[in-house]
Amino acid sequence: MAKCEHCGKKTVFGQNRPWSKKATNRTFRPNLQVVSLYEGGKKVRKVLCAKCIRTLAKSE
């Protein structure tokens, strides 16, 4: 399942609402990226959303 391993952000469902107000279903997907990080001296691959990647980069 598409899910950020840091914050838990995942796909949510909603609706398109055009001017005619005819609702059609759609999905909102997080911007997930595979990133290599060092945790405890080991290189680990994680699936993170773009917001978490930015936050982790700022904290380093």
N, C-alpha and C. Protein backbone atom coordinates (compact mmCIF):
# COMPACT_ATOMS: atom_id res chain seq x y z
N MET A 1 0.84 -1.19 0.00
CA MET A 1 0.00 0.00 0.00
C MET A 1 0.88 1.25 0.00
N ALA A 2 0.48 2.28 -0.72
CA ALA A 2 1.23 3.52 -0.80
C ALA A 2 1.09 4.28 0.52
N LYS A 3 2.18 4.30 1.30
CA LYS A 3 2.13 4.93 2.62
C LYS A 3 3.52 5.41 3.02
N CYS A 4 3.60 6.60 3.58
CA CYS A 4 4.86 7.15 4.07
C CYS A 4 5.26 6.39 5.33
N GLU A 5 6.51 5.93 5.39
CA GLU A 5 6.97 5.16 6.54
C GLU A 5 7.28 6.04 7.74
N HIS A 6 7.32 7.35 7.56
CA HIS A 6 7.64 8.25 8.67
C HIS A 6 6.38 8.83 9.32
N CYS A 7 5.50 9.42 8.52
CA CYS A 7 4.32 10.09 9.08
C CYS A 7 3.03 9.29 8.89
N GLY A 8 3.05 8.27 8.03
CA GLY A 8 1.86 7.46 7.81
C GLY A 8 0.88 8.03 6.81
N LYS A 9 1.30 9.08 6.09
CA LYS A 9 0.41 9.67 5.08
C LYS A 9 0.12 8.65 3.99
N LYS A 10 -1.16 8.54 3.58
CA LYS A 10 -1.54 7.55 2.58
C LYS A 10 -2.61 8.13 1.66
N THR A 11 -3.04 7.33 0.69
CA THR A 11 -4.05 7.76 -0.26
C THR A 11 -5.37 8.01 0.44
N VAL A 12 -6.01 9.13 0.11
CA VAL A 12 -7.34 9.43 0.63
C VAL A 12 -8.27 9.65 -0.57
N PHE A 13 -9.56 9.51 -0.33
CA PHE A 13 -10.54 9.59 -1.39
C PHE A 13 -11.41 10.82 -1.22
N GLY A 14 -11.80 11.40 -2.35
CA GLY A 14 -12.66 12.58 -2.34
C GLY A 14 -13.44 12.66 -3.63
N GLN A 15 -13.82 13.88 -3.99
CA GLN A 15 -14.63 14.07 -5.19
C GLN A 15 -14.17 15.29 -5.97
N ASN A 16 -14.25 15.20 -7.30
CA ASN A 16 -14.09 16.38 -8.15
C ASN A 16 -15.40 17.15 -8.12
N ARG A 17 -15.31 18.47 -8.01
CA ARG A 17 -16.50 19.32 -8.00
C ARG A 17 -16.35 20.41 -9.05
N PRO A 18 -16.77 20.17 -10.29
CA PRO A 18 -16.68 21.21 -11.32
C PRO A 18 -17.78 22.26 -11.13
N TRP A 19 -17.82 23.21 -12.04
CA TRP A 19 -18.79 24.30 -11.96
C TRP A 19 -20.22 23.79 -11.96
N SER A 20 -20.46 22.67 -12.65
CA SER A 20 -21.81 22.11 -12.72
C SER A 20 -22.22 21.38 -11.44
N LYS A 21 -21.29 21.24 -10.51
CA LYS A 21 -21.50 20.58 -9.21
C LYS A 21 -21.80 19.09 -9.32
N LYS A 22 -21.46 18.48 -10.46
CA LYS A 22 -21.60 17.04 -10.65
C LYS A 22 -20.38 16.36 -10.02
N ALA A 23 -20.58 15.63 -8.94
CA ALA A 23 -19.48 15.02 -8.20
C ALA A 23 -19.03 13.72 -8.86
N THR A 24 -17.72 13.59 -9.08
CA THR A 24 -17.15 12.33 -9.54
C THR A 24 -16.02 11.96 -8.59
N ASN A 25 -15.85 10.68 -8.36
CA ASN A 25 -14.86 10.21 -7.39
C ASN A 25 -13.44 10.41 -7.91
N ARG A 26 -12.53 10.65 -6.98
CA ARG A 26 -11.11 10.78 -7.30
C ARG A 26 -10.28 10.39 -6.09
N THR A 27 -8.97 10.27 -6.28
CA THR A 27 -8.06 9.96 -5.18
C THR A 27 -7.04 11.07 -5.03
N PHE A 28 -6.60 11.29 -3.80
CA PHE A 28 -5.51 12.21 -3.50
C PHE A 28 -4.34 11.36 -3.02
N ARG A 29 -3.27 11.31 -3.82
CA ARG A 29 -2.14 10.46 -3.49
C ARG A 29 -0.98 11.30 -2.96
N PRO A 30 -0.27 10.82 -1.94
CA PRO A 30 0.90 11.53 -1.44
C PRO A 30 2.07 11.41 -2.42
N ASN A 31 2.96 12.38 -2.40
CA ASN A 31 4.13 12.39 -3.27
C ASN A 31 5.22 11.53 -2.62
N LEU A 32 5.19 10.22 -2.88
CA LEU A 32 6.10 9.28 -2.24
C LEU A 32 7.36 9.07 -3.07
N GLN A 33 8.50 9.02 -2.40
CA GLN A 33 9.80 8.80 -3.03
C GLN A 33 10.55 7.74 -2.24
N VAL A 34 11.38 6.95 -2.94
CA VAL A 34 12.26 5.99 -2.27
C VAL A 34 13.56 6.71 -1.98
N VAL A 35 13.97 6.73 -0.70
CA VAL A 35 15.15 7.47 -0.27
C VAL A 35 16.07 6.54 0.51
N SER A 36 17.38 6.73 0.34
CA SER A 36 18.36 6.00 1.13
C SER A 36 18.82 6.89 2.29
N LEU A 37 18.70 6.38 3.51
CA LEU A 37 19.07 7.12 4.71
C LEU A 37 20.03 6.30 5.55
N TYR A 38 20.76 6.97 6.44
CA TYR A 38 21.61 6.27 7.39
C TYR A 38 20.94 6.30 8.75
N GLU A 39 20.64 5.12 9.29
CA GLU A 39 20.06 5.00 10.62
C GLU A 39 20.93 4.08 11.45
N GLY A 40 21.51 4.62 12.50
CA GLY A 40 22.37 3.82 13.36
C GLY A 40 23.60 3.29 12.64
N GLY A 41 24.12 4.07 11.69
CA GLY A 41 25.31 3.66 10.95
C GLY A 41 25.04 2.73 9.79
N LYS A 42 23.79 2.35 9.58
CA LYS A 42 23.44 1.47 8.47
C LYS A 42 22.63 2.25 7.43
N LYS A 43 22.85 1.89 6.16
CA LYS A 43 22.11 2.51 5.07
C LYS A 43 20.78 1.77 4.90
N VAL A 44 19.67 2.54 4.97
CA VAL A 44 18.33 1.96 4.92
C VAL A 44 17.54 2.65 3.81
N ARG A 45 16.80 1.87 3.04
CA ARG A 45 15.91 2.43 2.02
C ARG A 45 14.51 2.55 2.60
N LYS A 46 13.92 3.75 2.46
CA LYS A 46 12.58 3.99 2.98
C LYS A 46 11.73 4.70 1.94
N VAL A 47 10.43 4.51 2.05
CA VAL A 47 9.47 5.23 1.21
C VAL A 47 8.93 6.38 2.04
N LEU A 48 9.26 7.62 1.63
CA LEU A 48 8.87 8.81 2.38
C LEU A 48 8.14 9.79 1.47
N CYS A 49 7.25 10.57 2.07
CA CYS A 49 6.59 11.63 1.30
C CYS A 49 7.56 12.82 1.19
N ALA A 50 7.31 13.68 0.22
CA ALA A 50 8.20 14.81 -0.05
C ALA A 50 8.33 15.73 1.17
N LYS A 51 7.25 15.91 1.92
CA LYS A 51 7.29 16.78 3.09
C LYS A 51 8.25 16.22 4.15
N CYS A 52 8.22 14.90 4.37
CA CYS A 52 9.11 14.28 5.35
C CYS A 52 10.57 14.34 4.89
N ILE A 53 10.81 14.21 3.59
CA ILE A 53 12.17 14.31 3.06
C ILE A 53 12.72 15.70 3.34
N ARG A 54 11.90 16.73 3.11
CA ARG A 54 12.32 18.11 3.39
C ARG A 54 12.60 18.31 4.87
N THR A 55 11.72 17.79 5.72
CA THR A 55 11.88 17.95 7.17
C THR A 55 13.15 17.27 7.66
N LEU A 56 13.41 16.06 7.17
CA LEU A 56 14.62 15.34 7.58
C LEU A 56 15.88 16.03 7.07
N ALA A 57 15.83 16.60 5.87
CA ALA A 57 16.99 17.31 5.33
C ALA A 57 17.29 18.56 6.15
N LYS A 58 16.25 19.24 6.63
CA LYS A 58 16.45 20.45 7.44
C LYS A 58 17.01 20.12 8.82
N SER A 59 16.67 18.95 9.35
CA SER A 59 17.11 18.60 10.70
C SER A 59 18.54 18.07 10.73
N GLU A 60 19.10 17.74 9.59
CA GLU A 60 20.48 17.20 9.56
C GLU A 60 21.52 18.28 9.58
